[in-house]
Amino acid sequence: MVTITASSDAKAPRIRFTAYRESYLTARKVWQVSSGSVVMALRLIPAKLSATIDDVRVALQGNGAPVPIKVSSGGVFVVPLNDDIAAQDGTFLVNKGRGELTANIVLQPSVARDAWNVTRVGQVLQDARRAVRAITPWYKRPFASDVQSLAFCAAERGSALQLMDGEQLIATLPMNESAVNDINQPVFCKIFDGEDKYPGHYRVVMPEQATVLLL
């Protein structure tokens, strides 16, 4: 077994992980039915005890040079919508051995951080539920888990959201409800179920380190 340092060019993604087209078609359907408010991501998961994802790198290969894809900590990346590479039967490449990784689909909100208000929270929840139905075959729907809520989350307890009416602070909402994020890490959240009674135009202002999750 040869160990290659992370700084070596040999760690560039060169091993075929999976065909791109199926992911592309599913991601495109998510984008279309949600009007762009939800995107599809893939969460890479070690399939072998020896596999790690802390240094994983991903690229999309068509007929041209591989296109690097940004992978977040924990091995999650948004599936790009590249019509040309899909038509070329493109491939996802990784810098891991064959069979070392598997992947799960994750849906993520794609709303800009400063564009959230109470109405948008409800709209994104509806869009996400519509997307789940659109990508789930009818025979799997009785067993598929639906999106229950949208949450603003932080890694540590003690953060809070602000509800603003223009520049006026209306309420401070503690982020203290326990949940897990897209890579199964514990987080603390303010959770909305879409039935919230706040006026729709109230802006939702989140802390700098907060993330938005579909639960």
Protein backbone atom coordinates (compact mmCIF):
# COMPACT_ATOMS: atom_id res chain seq x y z
CA MET A 1 0.00 0.00 0.00
CA VAL A 2 1.41 3.38 -1.02
CA THR A 3 0.49 6.40 1.07
CA ILE A 4 0.20 9.62 -0.92
CA THR A 5 0.27 12.95 0.89
CA ALA A 6 -2.66 15.30 0.47
CA SER A 7 -0.42 17.91 -1.13
CA SER A 8 0.62 15.59 -3.94
CA ASP A 9 -0.86 16.07 -7.39
CA ALA A 10 -1.53 12.32 -7.35
CA LYS A 11 -4.46 13.08 -5.04
CA ALA A 12 -6.33 14.72 -7.90
CA PRO A 13 -9.66 12.98 -8.64
CA ARG A 14 -8.97 10.27 -11.22
CA ILE A 15 -11.07 7.27 -10.15
CA ARG A 16 -14.54 6.86 -11.63
CA PHE A 17 -17.15 7.14 -8.87
CA THR A 18 -20.47 7.12 -10.72
CA ALA A 19 -22.08 8.22 -13.95
CA TYR A 20 -23.19 11.85 -13.97
CA ARG A 21 -26.36 11.67 -16.04
CA GLU A 22 -28.68 10.06 -13.48
CA SER A 23 -27.66 12.56 -10.80
CA TYR A 24 -27.98 15.38 -13.33
CA LEU A 25 -31.54 14.38 -14.28
CA THR A 26 -32.61 14.11 -10.64
CA ALA A 27 -30.94 17.40 -9.70
CA ARG A 28 -32.55 19.13 -12.67
CA LYS A 29 -35.97 17.86 -11.61
CA VAL A 30 -35.41 19.15 -8.06
CA TRP A 31 -34.39 22.55 -9.44
CA GLN A 32 -37.37 22.74 -11.79
CA VAL A 33 -40.13 21.71 -9.39
CA SER A 34 -38.75 23.95 -6.63
CA SER A 35 -38.30 26.94 -8.95
CA GLY A 36 -34.66 27.02 -7.92
CA SER A 37 -35.23 27.33 -4.17
CA VAL A 38 -33.92 23.81 -3.45
CA VAL A 39 -30.86 22.02 -4.81
CA MET A 40 -29.80 18.40 -4.75
CA ALA A 41 -26.52 17.44 -3.16
CA LEU A 42 -24.71 14.15 -2.68
CA ARG A 43 -23.28 13.17 0.68
CA LEU A 44 -20.25 10.93 0.28
CA ILE A 45 -20.07 8.14 2.86
CA PRO A 46 -17.22 5.69 3.49
CA ALA A 47 -18.21 2.24 2.26
CA LYS A 48 -15.17 0.58 3.82
CA LEU A 49 -13.69 0.92 7.29
CA SER A 50 -10.41 2.06 5.78
CA ALA A 51 -12.01 4.86 3.75
CA THR A 52 -11.97 8.49 4.84
CA ILE A 53 -13.72 11.56 3.46
CA ASP A 54 -11.88 14.37 5.24
CA ASP A 55 -9.57 14.77 2.24
CA VAL A 56 -12.01 13.77 -0.52
CA ARG A 57 -11.91 15.65 -3.80
CA VAL A 58 -14.44 15.42 -6.63
CA ALA A 59 -14.36 16.42 -10.29
CA LEU A 60 -16.82 16.16 -13.19
CA GLN A 61 -15.34 14.68 -16.35
CA GLY A 62 -16.85 15.10 -19.80
CA ASN A 63 -15.02 15.27 -23.11
CA GLY A 64 -12.82 18.09 -21.87
CA ALA A 65 -10.67 18.64 -18.81
CA PRO A 66 -12.13 17.57 -15.43
CA VAL A 67 -14.10 20.32 -13.68
CA PRO A 68 -13.34 20.53 -9.92
CA ILE A 69 -16.40 20.49 -7.65
CA LYS A 70 -16.47 22.16 -4.25
CA VAL A 71 -16.92 19.62 -1.46
CA SER A 72 -17.90 20.85 2.00
CA SER A 73 -16.49 19.43 5.20
CA GLY A 74 -18.18 16.11 5.76
CA GLY A 75 -18.14 15.19 2.08
CA VAL A 76 -21.25 16.96 0.74
CA PHE A 77 -21.36 18.59 -2.69
CA VAL A 78 -24.14 20.18 -4.72
CA VAL A 79 -24.71 18.37 -8.02
CA PRO A 80 -23.95 20.86 -10.81
CA LEU A 81 -26.34 21.25 -13.74
CA ASN A 82 -24.10 20.99 -16.80
CA ASP A 83 -26.13 20.16 -19.91
CA ASP A 84 -23.05 19.62 -22.08
CA ILE A 85 -21.34 17.11 -19.79
CA ALA A 86 -24.65 15.29 -19.26
CA ALA A 87 -24.97 14.93 -23.05
CA GLN A 88 -21.40 13.59 -23.15
CA ASP A 89 -22.22 10.82 -20.63
CA GLY A 90 -19.95 12.46 -18.09
CA THR A 91 -18.58 10.89 -14.94
CA PHE A 92 -17.90 11.94 -11.36
CA LEU A 93 -14.28 11.32 -10.43
CA VAL A 94 -12.91 11.01 -6.89
CA ASN A 95 -9.46 10.70 -5.36
CA LYS A 96 -10.39 7.44 -3.62
CA GLY A 97 -10.19 3.80 -4.59
CA ARG A 98 -13.02 1.99 -6.31
CA GLY A 99 -15.71 0.89 -3.89
CA GLU A 100 -14.42 3.04 -1.02
CA LEU A 101 -17.32 5.50 -1.15
CA THR A 102 -21.07 5.46 -1.51
CA ALA A 103 -23.47 8.41 -1.56
CA ASN A 104 -26.87 9.55 -0.31
CA ILE A 105 -29.07 12.27 -1.78
CA VAL A 106 -29.46 15.40 0.33
CA LEU A 107 -31.78 18.33 -0.43
CA GLN A 108 -30.60 21.79 0.57
CA PRO A 109 -32.20 25.25 0.42
CA SER A 110 -30.52 27.55 -2.10
CA VAL A 111 -31.92 30.85 -0.84
CA ALA A 112 -29.39 33.62 -0.23
CA ARG A 113 -28.61 34.17 3.46
CA ASP A 114 -30.01 37.70 3.42
CA ALA A 115 -33.19 36.77 1.50
CA TRP A 116 -35.05 34.83 4.19
CA ASN A 117 -38.38 35.97 5.55
CA VAL A 118 -41.27 34.08 7.15
CA THR A 119 -43.11 33.69 3.83
CA ARG A 120 -39.97 32.32 2.15
CA VAL A 121 -39.57 29.71 4.89
CA GLY A 122 -43.04 28.33 4.13
CA GLN A 123 -42.47 28.48 0.38
CA VAL A 124 -39.19 26.57 0.56
CA LEU A 125 -40.80 23.91 2.74
CA GLN A 126 -43.54 23.43 0.15
CA ASP A 127 -40.98 23.38 -2.67
CA ALA A 128 -38.85 20.80 -0.86
CA ARG A 129 -41.83 18.52 -0.26
CA ARG A 130 -42.78 18.87 -3.92
CA ALA A 131 -39.23 17.96 -4.91
CA VAL A 132 -39.23 14.84 -2.74
CA ARG A 133 -42.45 13.65 -4.38
CA ALA A 134 -41.06 14.41 -7.84
CA ILE A 135 -37.90 12.32 -7.41
CA THR A 136 -39.45 9.44 -5.45
CA PRO A 137 -40.89 6.58 -7.56
CA TRP A 138 -44.56 5.96 -6.76
CA TYR A 139 -43.85 2.50 -5.36
CA LYS A 140 -41.37 3.93 -2.84
CA ARG A 141 -43.52 6.84 -1.65
CA PRO A 142 -45.17 4.94 1.24
CA PHE A 143 -41.67 4.38 2.67
CA ALA A 144 -40.05 7.71 1.78
CA SER A 145 -39.43 10.25 4.51
CA ASP A 146 -40.91 13.65 3.74
CA VAL A 147 -39.47 17.02 4.68
CA GLN A 148 -41.04 17.95 8.02
CA SER A 149 -39.45 21.30 8.76
CA LEU A 150 -36.87 23.93 7.90
CA ALA A 151 -34.30 24.79 10.53
CA PHE A 152 -31.72 27.49 11.15
CA CYS A 153 -28.92 25.74 13.01
CA ALA A 154 -25.58 26.28 14.71
CA ALA A 155 -22.97 23.87 16.01
CA GLU A 156 -23.22 25.19 19.57
CA ARG A 157 -26.11 26.11 21.82
CA GLY A 158 -26.67 29.79 22.57
CA SER A 159 -27.23 31.33 19.15
CA ALA A 160 -30.46 33.07 18.15
CA LEU A 161 -32.37 34.27 15.12
CA GLN A 162 -33.69 37.78 14.81
CA LEU A 163 -37.09 38.59 13.33
CA MET A 164 -36.98 42.05 11.79
CA ASP A 165 -39.69 44.35 10.46
CA GLY A 166 -37.64 46.63 8.27
CA GLU A 167 -34.86 47.72 10.63
CA GLN A 168 -36.92 47.13 13.77
CA LEU A 169 -36.13 44.07 15.88
CA ILE A 170 -39.43 42.29 16.61
CA ALA A 171 -38.27 39.11 18.34
CA THR A 172 -35.20 37.09 19.23
CA LEU A 173 -35.74 33.36 18.70
CA PRO A 174 -33.32 31.04 20.54
CA MET A 175 -31.72 28.27 18.47
CA ASN A 176 -31.84 25.58 21.14
CA GLU A 177 -33.77 22.66 19.60
CA SER A 178 -31.61 19.60 19.06
CA ALA A 179 -31.27 18.11 15.57
CA VAL A 180 -28.64 16.54 13.32
CA ASN A 181 -27.28 18.11 10.16
CA ASP A 182 -26.71 16.59 6.71
CA ILE A 183 -23.64 14.68 7.94
CA ASN A 184 -25.31 13.47 11.16
CA GLN A 185 -23.54 15.91 13.46
CA PRO A 186 -25.55 17.33 16.39
CA VAL A 187 -26.69 20.92 15.93
CA PHE A 188 -28.94 23.37 17.77
CA CYS A 189 -31.72 24.97 15.79
CA LYS A 190 -34.75 27.16 15.55
CA ILE A 191 -37.18 24.90 13.69
CA PHE A 192 -40.07 26.11 11.52
CA ASP A 193 -42.84 23.74 10.41
CA GLY A 194 -44.50 26.08 7.91
CA GLU A 195 -47.45 26.76 10.21
CA ASP A 196 -45.75 29.62 12.01
CA LYS A 197 -48.00 32.59 12.80
CA TYR A 198 -45.51 35.39 12.32
CA PRO A 199 -46.33 37.96 9.61
CA GLY A 200 -44.88 36.82 6.31
CA HIS A 201 -42.85 39.94 5.60
CA TYR A 202 -40.76 39.63 8.78
CA ARG A 203 -37.14 39.12 7.79
CA VAL A 204 -35.24 36.21 9.34
CA VAL A 205 -31.68 37.24 10.22
CA MET A 206 -29.33 34.41 11.17
CA PRO A 207 -25.94 34.40 12.90
CA GLU A 208 -22.88 34.35 10.67
CA GLN A 209 -22.02 30.70 11.34
CA ALA A 210 -25.59 29.39 11.05
CA THR A 211 -26.71 26.98 8.34
CA VAL A 212 -30.17 26.25 6.96
CA LEU A 213 -31.34 22.63 6.88
CA LEU A 214 -34.33 20.68 5.64
CA LEU A 215 -35.33 18.17 8.31
